[in-house]
Amino acid sequence: RVHYKNTYETANAIKGMNLRTAQAYLEAVCEKRRCVPFRVYKGCIGRTPQAKEFKMSQGRWPIKSAKILLDLLRNAESNAEFKNLDTENLTITHIQVSEAQQGRRRTYRAHGRINAYMNCPCH
């Protein structure tokens, strides 16, 4: 399970890239050499000079989301090889991240109250 907002921003960062370019970019994100610009879900996101590459100021390094998307790209590459397509010319034209059902836990508050403590995965 990975966070929806981090995966959404990471997927939008690689949309329109070549397959090899996207794989190199995501590996650089895992090593914290390049950041993922946060464009939509940018509340309380810290600023980094690495985001200047995208003409932004806010960015992060969502390593878990990047590894999931690297596995997805590897799967797409093997599917293309199976269909006898040229893997050097693959371009990411469509990528979608959907919210999954939230996990429910509870947290205990003052005066005997209980509040929801949800997580927000994606698929």
PDB file of N, CA and C in Angstrom:
ATOM      1  N   ARG A   1       0.841  -1.186   0.000  1.00  0.00           N
ATOM      2  CA  ARG A   1       0.000   0.000   0.000  1.00  0.00           C
ATOM      3  C   ARG A   1       0.880   1.241   0.000  1.00  0.00           C
ATOM      4  N   VAL A   2       0.538   2.147  -0.871  1.00  0.00           N
ATOM      5  CA  VAL A   2       1.274   3.410  -0.950  1.00  0.00           C
ATOM      6  C   VAL A   2       0.279   4.566  -0.846  1.00  0.00           C
ATOM      7  N   HIS A   3       0.794   5.730  -0.488  1.00  0.00           N
ATOM      8  CA  HIS A   3      -0.057   6.903  -0.324  1.00  0.00           C
ATOM      9  C   HIS A   3      -0.578   7.373  -1.682  1.00  0.00           C
ATOM     10  N   TYR A   4      -1.843   7.778  -1.703  1.00  0.00           N
ATOM     11  CA  TYR A   4      -2.472   8.223  -2.946  1.00  0.00           C
ATOM     12  C   TYR A   4      -1.838   9.504  -3.465  1.00  0.00           C
ATOM     13  N   LYS A   5      -1.687  10.502  -2.613  1.00  0.00           N
ATOM     14  CA  LYS A   5      -1.227  11.814  -3.077  1.00  0.00           C
ATOM     15  C   LYS A   5       0.207  11.756  -3.606  1.00  0.00           C
ATOM     16  N   ASN A   6       1.075  11.022  -2.919  1.00  0.00           N
ATOM     17  CA  ASN A   6       2.457  10.892  -3.387  1.00  0.00           C
ATOM     18  C   ASN A   6       2.516  10.183  -4.736  1.00  0.00           C
ATOM     19  N   THR A   7       1.727   9.107  -4.878  1.00  0.00           N
ATOM     20  CA  THR A   7       1.741   8.350  -6.121  1.00  0.00           C
ATOM     21  C   THR A   7       1.142   9.167  -7.257  1.00  0.00           C
ATOM     22  N   TYR A   8       0.122   9.970  -6.973  1.00  0.00           N
ATOM     23  CA  TYR A   8      -0.495  10.835  -7.984  1.00  0.00           C
ATOM     24  C   TYR A   8       0.530  11.819  -8.537  1.00  0.00           C
ATOM     25  N   GLU A   9       1.257  12.474  -7.659  1.00  0.00           N
ATOM     26  CA  GLU A   9       2.240  13.470  -8.092  1.00  0.00           C
ATOM     27  C   GLU A   9       3.404  12.812  -8.838  1.00  0.00           C
ATOM     28  N   THR A  10       3.822  11.621  -8.399  1.00  0.00           N
ATOM     29  CA  THR A  10       4.911  10.920  -9.072  1.00  0.00           C
ATOM     30  C   THR A  10       4.481  10.482 -10.467  1.00  0.00           C
ATOM     31  N   ALA A  11       3.239   9.991 -10.592  1.00  0.00           N
ATOM     32  CA  ALA A  11       2.731   9.557 -11.894  1.00  0.00           C
ATOM     33  C   ALA A  11       2.609  10.741 -12.849  1.00  0.00           C
ATOM     34  N   ASN A  12       2.158  11.884 -12.350  1.00  0.00           N
ATOM     35  CA  ASN A  12       2.056  13.068 -13.205  1.00  0.00           C
ATOM     36  C   ASN A  12       3.435  13.567 -13.642  1.00  0.00           C
ATOM     37  N   ALA A  13       4.451  13.332 -12.813  1.00  0.00           N
ATOM     38  CA  ALA A  13       5.795  13.775 -13.172  1.00  0.00           C
ATOM     39  C   ALA A  13       6.351  12.975 -14.349  1.00  0.00           C
ATOM     40  N   ILE A  14       5.981  11.693 -14.477  1.00  0.00           N
ATOM     41  CA  ILE A  14       6.536  10.867 -15.558  1.00  0.00           C
ATOM     42  C   ILE A  14       5.620  10.799 -16.772  1.00  0.00           C
ATOM     43  N   LYS A  15       4.441  11.422 -16.689  1.00  0.00           N
ATOM     44  CA  LYS A  15       3.531  11.394 -17.840  1.00  0.00           C
ATOM     45  C   LYS A  15       4.146  12.145 -19.018  1.00  0.00           C
ATOM     46  N   GLY A  16       4.133  11.513 -20.194  1.00  0.00           N
ATOM     47  CA  GLY A  16       4.703  12.108 -21.393  1.00  0.00           C
ATOM     48  C   GLY A  16       6.168  11.789 -21.615  1.00  0.00           C
ATOM     49  N   MET A  17       6.803  11.111 -20.664  1.00  0.00           N
ATOM     50  CA  MET A  17       8.216  10.768 -20.807  1.00  0.00           C
ATOM     51  C   MET A  17       8.386   9.487 -21.621  1.00  0.00           C
ATOM     52  N   ASN A  18       9.584   9.321 -22.150  1.00  0.00           N
ATOM     53  CA  ASN A  18       9.983   8.065 -22.761  1.00  0.00           C
ATOM     54  C   ASN A  18      10.164   7.029 -21.648  1.00  0.00           C
ATOM     55  N   LEU A  19      10.065   5.735 -21.972  1.00  0.00           N
ATOM     56  CA  LEU A  19      10.171   4.690 -20.952  1.00  0.00           C
ATOM     57  C   LEU A  19      11.531   4.718 -20.271  1.00  0.00           C
ATOM     58  N   ARG A  20      12.600   4.803 -21.043  1.00  0.00           N
ATOM     59  CA  ARG A  20      13.959   4.813 -20.468  1.00  0.00           C
ATOM     60  C   ARG A  20      14.192   6.091 -19.643  1.00  0.00           C
ATOM     61  N   THR A  21      13.679   7.215 -20.130  1.00  0.00           N
ATOM     62  CA  THR A  21      13.823   8.479 -19.390  1.00  0.00           C
ATOM     63  C   THR A  21      13.093   8.411 -18.063  1.00  0.00           C
ATOM     64  N   ALA A  22      11.884   7.837 -18.080  1.00  0.00           N
ATOM     65  CA  ALA A  22      11.090   7.728 -16.853  1.00  0.00           C
ATOM     66  C   ALA A  22      11.759   6.799 -15.851  1.00  0.00           C
ATOM     67  N   GLN A  23      12.331   5.687 -16.329  1.00  0.00           N
ATOM     68  CA  GLN A  23      13.010   4.763 -15.420  1.00  0.00           C
ATOM     69  C   GLN A  23      14.239   5.418 -14.794  1.00  0.00           C
ATOM     70  N   ALA A  24      15.001   6.149 -15.585  1.00  0.00           N
ATOM     71  CA  ALA A  24      16.175   6.845 -15.050  1.00  0.00           C
ATOM     72  C   ALA A  24      15.760   7.915 -14.049  1.00  0.00           C
ATOM     73  N   TYR A  25      14.670   8.628 -14.341  1.00  0.00           N
ATOM     74  CA  TYR A  25      14.175   9.675 -13.442  1.00  0.00           C
ATOM     75  C   TYR A  25      13.733   9.075 -12.100  1.00  0.00           C
ATOM     76  N   LEU A  26      12.980   7.967 -12.139  1.00  0.00           N
ATOM     77  CA  LEU A  26      12.489   7.362 -10.898  1.00  0.00           C
ATOM     78  C   LEU A  26      13.635   6.776 -10.071  1.00  0.00           C
ATOM     79  N   GLU A  27      14.652   6.246 -10.740  1.00  0.00           N
ATOM     80  CA  GLU A  27      15.814   5.752  -9.989  1.00  0.00           C
ATOM     81  C   GLU A  27      16.565   6.914  -9.342  1.00  0.00           C
ATOM     82  N   ALA A  28      16.611   8.068 -10.020  1.00  0.00           N
ATOM     83  CA  ALA A  28      17.252   9.251  -9.429  1.00  0.00           C
ATOM     84  C   ALA A  28      16.436   9.772  -8.243  1.00  0.00           C
ATOM     85  N   VAL A  29      15.098   9.639  -8.318  1.00  0.00           N
ATOM     86  CA  VAL A  29      14.248  10.040  -7.188  1.00  0.00           C
ATOM     87  C   VAL A  29      14.523   9.139  -5.990  1.00  0.00           C
ATOM     88  N   CYS A  30      14.692   7.832  -6.229  1.00  0.00           N
ATOM     89  CA  CYS A  30      14.980   6.900  -5.132  1.00  0.00           C
ATOM     90  C   CYS A  30      16.315   7.212  -4.462  1.00  0.00           C
ATOM     91  N   GLU A  31      17.265   7.744  -5.238  1.00  0.00           N
ATOM     92  CA  GLU A  31      18.566   8.119  -4.683  1.00  0.00           C
ATOM     93  C   GLU A  31      18.598   9.572  -4.207  1.00  0.00           C
ATOM     94  N   LYS A  32      17.473  10.267  -4.314  1.00  0.00           N
ATOM     95  CA  LYS A  32      17.313  11.663  -3.889  1.00  0.00           C
ATOM     96  C   LYS A  32      18.214  12.619  -4.666  1.00  0.00           C
ATOM     97  N   ARG A  33      18.495  12.290  -5.938  1.00  0.00           N
ATOM     98  CA  ARG A  33      19.256  13.192  -6.805  1.00  0.00           C
ATOM     99  C   ARG A  33      18.337  14.132  -7.562  1.00  0.00           C
ATOM    100  N   ARG A  34      17.075  13.740  -7.801  1.00  0.00           N
ATOM    101  CA  ARG A  34      16.061  14.593  -8.434  1.00  0.00           C
ATOM    102  C   ARG A  34      14.783  14.468  -7.612  1.00  0.00           C
ATOM    103  N   CYS A  35      13.994  15.539  -7.585  1.00  0.00           N
ATOM    104  CA  CYS A  35      12.776  15.516  -6.774  1.00  0.00           C
ATOM    105  C   CYS A  35      11.540  15.391  -7.662  1.00  0.00           C
ATOM    106  N   VAL A  36      10.426  15.060  -7.015  1.00  0.00           N
ATOM    107  CA  VAL A  36       9.128  15.035  -7.688  1.00  0.00           C
ATOM    108  C   VAL A  36       8.432  16.346  -7.347  1.00  0.00           C
ATOM    109  N   PRO A  37       8.069  17.154  -8.344  1.00  0.00           N
ATOM    110  CA  PRO A  37       7.381  18.414  -8.040  1.00  0.00           C
ATOM    111  C   PRO A  37       5.947  18.141  -7.597  1.00  0.00           C
ATOM    112  N   PHE A  38       5.532  18.764  -6.519  1.00  0.00           N
ATOM    113  CA  PHE A  38       4.162  18.604  -6.032  1.00  0.00           C
ATOM    114  C   PHE A  38       3.361  19.795  -6.530  1.00  0.00           C
ATOM    115  N   ARG A  39       2.426  19.528  -7.451  1.00  0.00           N
ATOM    116  CA  ARG A  39       1.668  20.585  -8.109  1.00  0.00           C
ATOM    117  C   ARG A  39       0.263  20.753  -7.555  1.00  0.00           C
ATOM    118  N   VAL A  40      -0.402  19.664  -7.223  1.00  0.00           N
ATOM    119  CA  VAL A  40      -1.797  19.717  -6.766  1.00  0.00           C
ATOM    120  C   VAL A  40      -1.873  19.637  -5.241  1.00  0.00           C
ATOM    121  N   TYR A  41      -1.296  18.568  -4.689  1.00  0.00           N
ATOM    122  CA  TYR A  41      -1.347  18.347  -3.243  1.00  0.00           C
ATOM    123  C   TYR A  41      -0.093  18.936  -2.620  1.00  0.00           C
ATOM    124  N   LYS A  42      -0.059  20.285  -2.524  1.00  0.00           N
ATOM    125  CA  LYS A  42       1.182  20.934  -2.112  1.00  0.00           C
ATOM    126  C   LYS A  42       1.080  21.675  -0.785  1.00  0.00           C
ATOM    127  N   GLY A  43       0.052  21.398  -0.007  1.00  0.00           N
ATOM    128  CA  GLY A  43      -0.040  22.012   1.313  1.00  0.00           C
ATOM    129  C   GLY A  43       0.979  21.404   2.257  1.00  0.00           C
ATOM    130  N   CYS A  44       1.723  22.233   2.962  1.00  0.00           N
ATOM    131  CA  CYS A  44       2.740  21.822   3.940  1.00  0.00           C
ATOM    132  C   CYS A  44       3.869  21.017   3.314  1.00  0.00           C
ATOM    133  N   ILE A  45       4.140  21.241   2.022  1.00  0.00           N
ATOM    134  CA  ILE A  45       5.260  20.571   1.357  1.00  0.00           C
ATOM    135  C   ILE A  45       6.455  21.509   1.413  1.00  0.00           C
ATOM    136  N   GLY A  46       7.585  20.986   1.836  1.00  0.00           N
ATOM    137  CA  GLY A  46       8.783  21.802   1.948  1.00  0.00           C
ATOM    138  C   GLY A  46       9.340  22.194   0.590  1.00  0.00           C
ATOM    139  N   ARG A  47      10.149  23.246   0.576  1.00  0.00           N
ATOM    140  CA  ARG A  47      10.746  23.730  -0.663  1.00  0.00           C
ATOM    141  C   ARG A  47      12.137  23.129  -0.841  1.00  0.00           C
ATOM    142  N   THR A  48      12.503  22.901  -2.089  1.00  0.00           N
ATOM    143  CA  THR A  48      13.822  22.358  -2.387  1.00  0.00           C
ATOM    144  C   THR A  48      14.332  22.964  -3.692  1.00  0.00           C
ATOM    145  N   PRO A  49      15.637  23.217  -3.778  1.00  0.00           N
ATOM    146  CA  PRO A  49      16.171  23.771  -5.026  1.00  0.00           C
ATOM    147  C   PRO A  49      16.092  22.808  -6.209  1.00  0.00           C
ATOM    148  N   GLN A  50      15.920  21.510  -5.939  1.00  0.00           N
ATOM    149  CA  GLN A  50      15.797  20.543  -7.035  1.00  0.00           C
ATOM    150  C   GLN A  50      14.518  20.749  -7.835  1.00  0.00           C
ATOM    151  N   ALA A  51      13.532  21.426  -7.268  1.00  0.00           N
ATOM    152  CA  ALA A  51      12.265  21.639  -7.963  1.00  0.00           C
ATOM    153  C   ALA A  51      12.363  22.746  -9.012  1.00  0.00           C
ATOM    154  N   LYS A  52      13.465  23.493  -9.045  1.00  0.00           N
ATOM    155  CA  LYS A  52      13.633  24.555 -10.047  1.00  0.00           C
ATOM    156  C   LYS A  52      13.665  23.985 -11.459  1.00  0.00           C
ATOM    157  N   GLU A  53      14.040  22.719 -11.577  1.00  0.00           N
ATOM    158  CA  GLU A  53      14.073  22.037 -12.871  1.00  0.00           C
ATOM    159  C   GLU A  53      12.695  22.038 -13.528  1.00  0.00           C
ATOM    160  N   PHE A  54      11.631  22.034 -12.703  1.00  0.00           N
ATOM    161  CA  PHE A  54      10.251  22.007 -13.197  1.00  0.00           C
ATOM    162  C   PHE A  54       9.563  23.358 -13.046  1.00  0.00           C
ATOM    163  N   LYS A  55      10.344  24.415 -12.766  1.00  0.00           N
ATOM    164  CA  LYS A  55       9.822  25.760 -12.521  1.00  0.00           C
ATOM    165  C   LYS A  55       8.846  25.772 -11.344  1.00  0.00           C
ATOM    166  N   MET A  56       9.170  25.002 -10.337  1.00  0.00           N
ATOM    167  CA  MET A  56       8.376  24.924  -9.110  1.00  0.00           C
ATOM    168  C   MET A  56       9.315  25.197  -7.944  1.00  0.00           C
ATOM    169  N   SER A  57       8.743  25.329  -6.754  1.00  0.00           N
ATOM    170  CA  SER A  57       9.595  25.475  -5.575  1.00  0.00           C
ATOM    171  C   SER A  57       9.396  24.337  -4.585  1.00  0.00           C
ATOM    172  N   GLN A  58       8.254  23.633  -4.689  1.00  0.00           N
ATOM    173  CA  GLN A  58       7.947  22.584  -3.720  1.00  0.00           C
ATOM    174  C   GLN A  58       8.137  21.205  -4.339  1.00  0.00           C
ATOM    175  N   GLY A  59       8.790  20.329  -3.605  1.00  0.00           N
ATOM    176  CA  GLY A  59       9.003  18.979  -4.106  1.00  0.00           C
ATOM    177  C   GLY A  59       9.392  18.043  -2.984  1.00  0.00           C
ATOM    178  N   ARG A  60       9.234  16.759  -3.247  1.00  0.00           N
ATOM    179  CA  ARG A  60       9.598  15.720  -2.291  1.00  0.00           C
ATOM    180  C   ARG A  60      10.215  14.540  -3.031  1.00  0.00           C
ATOM    181  N   TRP A  61      10.607  13.521  -2.273  1.00  0.00           N
ATOM    182  CA  TRP A  61      11.211  12.316  -2.816  1.00  0.00           C
ATOM    183  C   TRP A  61      10.419  11.095  -2.345  1.00  0.00           C
ATOM    184  N   PRO A  62       9.258  10.814  -2.939  1.00  0.00           N
ATOM    185  CA  PRO A  62       8.435   9.675  -2.499  1.00  0.00           C
ATOM    186  C   PRO A  62       9.023   8.348  -3.008  1.00  0.00           C
ATOM    187  N   ILE A  63       9.910   7.763  -2.215  1.00  0.00           N
ATOM    188  CA  ILE A  63      10.671   6.591  -2.645  1.00  0.00           C
ATOM    189  C   ILE A  63       9.766   5.375  -2.833  1.00  0.00           C
ATOM    190  N   LYS A  64       8.827   5.165  -1.920  1.00  0.00           N
ATOM    191  CA  LYS A  64       7.963   3.981  -2.015  1.00  0.00           C
ATOM    192  C   LYS A  64       7.089   4.047  -3.273  1.00  0.00           C
ATOM    193  N   SER A  65       6.548   5.216  -3.565  1.00  0.00           N
ATOM    194  CA  SER A  65       5.736   5.387  -4.774  1.00  0.00           C
ATOM    195  C   SER A  65       6.594   5.219  -6.028  1.00  0.00           C
ATOM    196  N   ALA A  66       7.823   5.722  -6.002  1.00  0.00           N
ATOM    197  CA  ALA A  66       8.706   5.603  -7.158  1.00  0.00           C
ATOM    198  C   ALA A  66       9.047   4.139  -7.435  1.00  0.00           C
ATOM    199  N   LYS A  67       9.257   3.352  -6.388  1.00  0.00           N
ATOM    200  CA  LYS A  67       9.566   1.935  -6.582  1.00  0.00           C
ATOM    201  C   LYS A  67       8.367   1.179  -7.147  1.00  0.00           C
ATOM    202  N   ILE A  68       7.166   1.527  -6.695  1.00  0.00           N
ATOM    203  CA  ILE A  68       5.957   0.887  -7.228  1.00  0.00           C
ATOM    204  C   ILE A  68       5.808   1.217  -8.716  1.00  0.00           C
ATOM    205  N   LEU A  69       6.030   2.471  -9.086  1.00  0.00           N
ATOM    206  CA  LEU A  69       5.904   2.862 -10.489  1.00  0.00           C
ATOM    207  C   LEU A  69       7.022   2.271 -11.349  1.00  0.00           C
ATOM    208  N   LEU A  70       8.209   2.060 -10.768  1.00  0.00           N
ATOM    209  CA  LEU A  70       9.282   1.381 -11.507  1.00  0.00           C
ATOM    210  C   LEU A  70       8.880  -0.058 -11.837  1.00  0.00           C
ATOM    211  N   ASP A  71       8.248  -0.743 -10.873  1.00  0.00           N
ATOM    212  CA  ASP A  71       7.755  -2.099 -11.125  1.00  0.00           C
ATOM    213  C   ASP A  71       6.688  -2.086 -12.211  1.00  0.00           C
ATOM    214  N   LEU A  72       5.826  -1.077 -12.187  1.00  0.00           N
ATOM    215  CA  LEU A  72       4.770  -0.958 -13.205  1.00  0.00           C
ATOM    216  C   LEU A  72       5.376  -0.747 -14.597  1.00  0.00           C
ATOM    217  N   LEU A  73       6.412   0.085 -14.686  1.00  0.00           N
ATOM    218  CA  LEU A  73       7.068   0.322 -15.976  1.00  0.00           C
ATOM    219  C   LEU A  73       7.798  -0.928 -16.465  1.00  0.00           C
ATOM    220  N   ARG A  74       8.383  -1.681 -15.528  1.00  0.00           N
ATOM    221  CA  ARG A  74       9.051  -2.931 -15.916  1.00  0.00           C
ATOM    222  C   ARG A  74       8.032  -3.931 -16.464  1.00  0.00           C
ATOM    223  N   ASN A  75       6.845  -3.957 -15.850  1.00  0.00           N
ATOM    224  CA  ASN A  75       5.765  -4.833 -16.312  1.00  0.00           C
ATOM    225  C   ASN A  75       5.305  -4.403 -17.712  1.00  0.00           C
ATOM    226  N   ALA A  76       5.153  -3.106 -17.930  1.00  0.00           N
ATOM    227  CA  ALA A  76       4.729  -2.612 -19.245  1.00  0.00           C
ATOM    228  C   ALA A  76       5.781  -2.939 -20.309  1.00  0.00           C
ATOM    229  N   GLU A  77       7.057  -2.860 -19.931  1.00  0.00           N
ATOM    230  CA  GLU A  77       8.127  -3.177 -20.884  1.00  0.00           C
ATOM    231  C   GLU A  77       8.099  -4.650 -21.276  1.00  0.00           C
ATOM    232  N   SER A  78       7.875  -5.531 -20.300  1.00  0.00           N
ATOM    233  CA  SER A  78       7.824  -6.960 -20.625  1.00  0.00           C
ATOM    234  C   SER A  78       6.583  -7.297 -21.447  1.00  0.00           C
ATOM    235  N   ASN A  79       5.472  -6.579 -21.206  1.00  0.00           N
ATOM    236  CA  ASN A  79       4.274  -6.777 -22.033  1.00  0.00           C
ATOM    237  C   ASN A  79       4.549  -6.354 -23.475  1.00  0.00           C
ATOM    238  N   ALA A  80       5.296  -5.264 -23.666  1.00  0.00           N
ATOM    239  CA  ALA A  80       5.625  -4.796 -25.008  1.00  0.00           C
ATOM    240  C   ALA A  80       6.555  -5.783 -25.715  1.00  0.00           C
ATOM    241  N   GLU A  81       7.511  -6.350 -24.978  1.00  0.00           N
ATOM    242  CA  GLU A  81       8.396  -7.350 -25.570  1.00  0.00           C
ATOM    243  C   GLU A  81       7.618  -8.586 -25.998  1.00  0.00           C
ATOM    244  N   PHE A  82       6.636  -8.976 -25.197  1.00  0.00           N
ATOM    245  CA  PHE A  82       5.822 -10.153 -25.517  1.00  0.00           C
ATOM    246  C   PHE A  82       5.005  -9.928 -26.790  1.00  0.00           C
ATOM    247  N   LYS A  83       4.590  -8.666 -26.998  1.00  0.00           N
ATOM    248  CA  LYS A  83       3.812  -8.324 -28.201  1.00  0.00           C
ATOM    249  C   LYS A  83       4.708  -7.949 -29.386  1.00  0.00           C
ATOM    250  N   ASN A  84       6.026  -8.159 -29.244  1.00  0.00           N
ATOM    251  CA  ASN A  84       7.011  -7.853 -30.286  1.00  0.00           C
ATOM    252  C   ASN A  84       7.010  -6.376 -30.681  1.00  0.00           C
ATOM    253  N   LEU A  85       6.843  -5.486 -29.693  1.00  0.00           N
ATOM    254  CA  LEU A  85       6.919  -4.047 -29.948  1.00  0.00           C
ATOM    255  C   LEU A  85       8.338  -3.559 -29.668  1.00  0.00           C
ATOM    256  N   ASP A  86       8.668  -2.417 -30.219  1.00  0.00           N
ATOM    257  CA  ASP A  86       9.980  -1.818 -30.000  1.00  0.00           C
ATOM    258  C   ASP A  86       9.980  -1.109 -28.650  1.00  0.00           C
ATOM    259  N   THR A  87      10.740  -1.635 -27.694  1.00  0.00           N
ATOM    260  CA  THR A  87      10.708  -1.073 -26.339  1.00  0.00           C
ATOM    261  C   THR A  87      11.460   0.247 -26.229  1.00  0.00           C
ATOM    262  N   GLU A  88      12.290   0.571 -27.227  1.00  0.00           N
ATOM    263  CA  GLU A  88      13.034   1.833 -27.176  1.00  0.00           C
ATOM    264  C   GLU A  88      12.138   3.032 -27.487  1.00  0.00           C
ATOM    265  N   ASN A  89      11.023   2.805 -28.180  1.00  0.00           N
ATOM    266  CA  ASN A  89      10.154   3.912 -28.585  1.00  0.00           C
ATOM    267  C   ASN A  89       8.894   4.023 -27.732  1.00  0.00           C
ATOM    268  N   LEU A  90       8.846   3.343 -26.584  1.00  0.00           N
ATOM    269  CA  LEU A  90       7.652   3.410 -25.742  1.00  0.00           C
ATOM    270  C   LEU A  90       7.569   4.761 -25.039  1.00  0.00           C
ATOM    271  N   THR A  91       6.391   5.345 -25.048  1.00  0.00           N
ATOM    272  CA  THR A  91       6.142   6.623 -24.377  1.00  0.00           C
ATOM    273  C   THR A  91       4.967   6.459 -23.426  1.00  0.00           C
ATOM    274  N   ILE A  92       5.051   7.098 -22.282  1.00  0.00           N
ATOM    275  CA  ILE A  92       3.962   7.030 -21.294  1.00  0.00           C
ATOM    276  C   ILE A  92       2.950   8.102 -21.666  1.00  0.00           C
ATOM    277  N   THR A  93       1.868   7.699 -22.317  1.00  0.00           N
ATOM    278  CA  THR A  93       0.845   8.665 -22.715  1.00  0.00           C
ATOM    279  C   THR A  93      -0.294   8.713 -21.714  1.00  0.00           C
ATOM    280  N   HIS A  94      -0.568   7.596 -21.041  1.00  0.00           N
ATOM    281  CA  HIS A  94      -1.675   7.570 -20.083  1.00  0.00           C
ATOM    282  C   HIS A  94      -1.225   6.827 -18.842  1.00  0.00           C
ATOM    283  N   ILE A  95      -1.374   7.460 -17.706  1.00  0.00           N
ATOM    284  CA  ILE A  95      -1.107   6.803 -16.425  1.00  0.00           C
ATOM    285  C   ILE A  95      -2.120   7.355 -15.437  1.00  0.00           C
ATOM    286  N   GLN A  96      -2.701   6.464 -14.653  1.00  0.00           N
ATOM    287  CA  GLN A  96      -3.807   6.855 -13.779  1.00  0.00           C
ATOM    288  C   GLN A  96      -3.597   6.277 -12.389  1.00  0.00           C
ATOM    289  N   VAL A  97      -3.897   7.077 -11.374  1.00  0.00           N
ATOM    290  CA  VAL A  97      -3.832   6.639  -9.985  1.00  0.00           C
ATOM    291  C   VAL A  97      -5.213   6.827  -9.382  1.00  0.00           C
ATOM    292  N   SER A  98      -5.764   5.767  -8.830  1.00  0.00           N
ATOM    293  CA  SER A  98      -7.101   5.823  -8.232  1.00  0.00           C
ATOM    294  C   SER A  98      -7.003   5.612  -6.730  1.00  0.00           C
ATOM    295  N   GLU A  99      -7.923   6.235  -6.010  1.00  0.00           N
ATOM    296  CA  GLU A  99      -7.963   6.042  -4.566  1.00  0.00           C
ATOM    297  C   GLU A  99      -8.582   4.689  -4.249  1.00  0.00           C
ATOM    298  N   ALA A 100      -7.977   3.946  -3.330  1.00  0.00           N
ATOM    299  CA  ALA A 100      -8.523   2.662  -2.890  1.00  0.00           C
ATOM    300  C   ALA A 100      -9.369   2.876  -1.639  1.00  0.00           C
ATOM    301  N   GLN A 101      -9.999   1.805  -1.192  1.00  0.00           N
ATOM    302  CA  GLN A 101     -10.814   1.900   0.015  1.00  0.00           C
ATOM    303  C   GLN A 101      -9.925   2.210   1.215  1.00  0.00           C
ATOM    304  N   GLN A 102     -10.373   3.115   2.052  1.00  0.00           N
ATOM    305  CA  GLN A 102      -9.566   3.541   3.183  1.00  0.00           C
ATOM    306  C   GLN A 102      -9.571   2.490   4.283  1.00  0.00           C
ATOM    307  N   GLY A 103      -8.416   2.353   4.935  1.00  0.00           N
ATOM    308  CA  GLY A 103      -8.320   1.464   6.095  1.00  0.00           C
ATOM    309  C   GLY A 103      -8.816   2.203   7.327  1.00  0.00           C
ATOM    310  N   ARG A 104      -9.509   1.482   8.175  1.00  0.00           N
ATOM    311  CA  ARG A 104     -10.098   2.114   9.361  1.00  0.00           C
ATOM    312  C   ARG A 104      -9.392   1.659  10.625  1.00  0.00           C
ATOM    313  N   ARG A 105      -8.923   2.652  11.390  1.00  0.00           N
ATOM    314  CA  ARG A 105      -8.446   2.401  12.746  1.00  0.00           C
ATOM    315  C   ARG A 105      -9.087   3.459  13.627  1.00  0.00           C
ATOM    316  N   ARG A 106      -8.796   3.417  14.903  1.00  0.00           N
ATOM    317  CA  ARG A 106      -9.361   4.465  15.744  1.00  0.00           C
ATOM    318  C   ARG A 106      -8.316   4.974  16.717  1.00  0.00           C
ATOM    319  N   THR A 107      -8.487   6.245  17.067  1.00  0.00           N
ATOM    320  CA  THR A 107      -7.584   6.876  18.011  1.00  0.00           C
ATOM    321  C   THR A 107      -8.403   7.378  19.187  1.00  0.00           C
ATOM    322  N   TYR A 108      -7.803   7.325  20.342  1.00  0.00           N
ATOM    323  CA  TYR A 108      -8.521   7.657  21.574  1.00  0.00           C
ATOM    324  C   TYR A 108      -8.229   9.097  21.958  1.00  0.00           C
ATOM    325  N   ARG A 109      -9.280   9.849  22.246  1.00  0.00           N
ATOM    326  CA  ARG A 109      -9.165  11.268  22.549  1.00  0.00           C
ATOM    327  C   ARG A 109      -9.501  11.513  24.020  1.00  0.00           C
ATOM    328  N   ALA A 110      -9.415  12.766  24.399  1.00  0.00           N
ATOM    329  CA  ALA A 110      -9.690  13.128  25.786  1.00  0.00           C
ATOM    330  C   ALA A 110     -11.178  12.944  26.108  1.00  0.00           C
ATOM    331  N   HIS A 111     -11.481  12.797  27.361  1.00  0.00           N
ATOM    332  CA  HIS A 111     -12.845  12.686  27.887  1.00  0.00           C
ATOM    333  C   HIS A 111     -13.571  11.459  27.330  1.00  0.00           C
ATOM    334  N   GLY A 112     -12.835  10.400  27.022  1.00  0.00           N
ATOM    335  CA  GLY A 112     -13.452   9.144  26.629  1.00  0.00           C
ATOM    336  C   GLY A 112     -13.993   9.090  25.219  1.00  0.00           C
ATOM    337  N   ARG A 113     -13.596  10.025  24.355  1.00  0.00           N
ATOM    338  CA  ARG A 113     -14.102   9.997  22.978  1.00  0.00           C
ATOM    339  C   ARG A 113     -13.174   9.187  22.088  1.00  0.00           C
ATOM    340  N   ILE A 114     -13.708   8.746  20.948  1.00  0.00           N
ATOM    341  CA  ILE A 114     -12.942   7.990  19.956  1.00  0.00           C
ATOM    342  C   ILE A 114     -13.161   8.641  18.596  1.00  0.00           C
ATOM    343  N   ASN A 115     -12.080   8.879  17.849  1.00  0.00           N
ATOM    344  CA  ASN A 115     -12.156   9.429  16.503  1.00  0.00           C
ATOM    345  C   ASN A 115     -11.591   8.445  15.489  1.00  0.00           C
ATOM    346  N   ALA A 116     -11.947   8.650  14.234  1.00  0.00           N
ATOM    347  CA  ALA A 116     -11.433   7.813  13.164  1.00  0.00           C
ATOM    348  C   ALA A 116      -9.966   8.127  12.917  1.00  0.00           C
ATOM    349  N   TYR A 117      -9.219   7.110  12.481  1.00  0.00           N
ATOM    350  CA  TYR A 117      -7.810   7.236  12.181  1.00  0.00           C
ATOM    351  C   TYR A 117      -7.582   6.457  10.888  1.00  0.00           C
ATOM    352  N   MET A 118      -7.840   7.140   9.737  1.00  0.00           N
ATOM    353  CA  MET A 118      -7.908   6.469   8.444  1.00  0.00           C
ATOM    354  C   MET A 118      -6.582   6.586   7.713  1.00  0.00           C
ATOM    355  N   ASN A 119      -6.329   5.616   6.820  1.00  0.00           N
ATOM    356  CA  ASN A 119      -5.213   5.759   5.893  1.00  0.00           C
ATOM    357  C   ASN A 119      -5.777   5.826   4.482  1.00  0.00           C
ATOM    358  N   CYS A 120      -4.988   6.362   3.548  1.00  0.00           N
ATOM    359  CA  CYS A 120      -5.490   6.641   2.196  1.00  0.00           C
ATOM    360  C   CYS A 120      -4.619   5.958   1.143  1.00  0.00           C
ATOM    361  N   PRO A 121      -4.821   4.654   0.909  1.00  0.00           N
ATOM    362  CA  PRO A 121      -4.014   3.955  -0.101  1.00  0.00           C
ATOM    363  C   PRO A 121      -4.535   4.209  -1.511  1.00  0.00           C
ATOM    364  N   CYS A 122      -3.836   3.671  -2.489  1.00  0.00           N
ATOM    365  CA  CYS A 122      -4.242   3.844  -3.884  1.00  0.00           C
ATOM    366  C   CYS A 122      -3.967   2.568  -4.648  1.00  0.00           C
ATOM    367  N   HIS A 123      -4.465   2.522  -5.876  1.00  0.00           N
ATOM    368  CA  HIS A 123      -4.134   1.424  -6.783  1.00  0.00           C
ATOM    369  C   HIS A 123      -4.275   1.920  -8.223  1.00  0.00           C
TER     370      HIS A 123
END
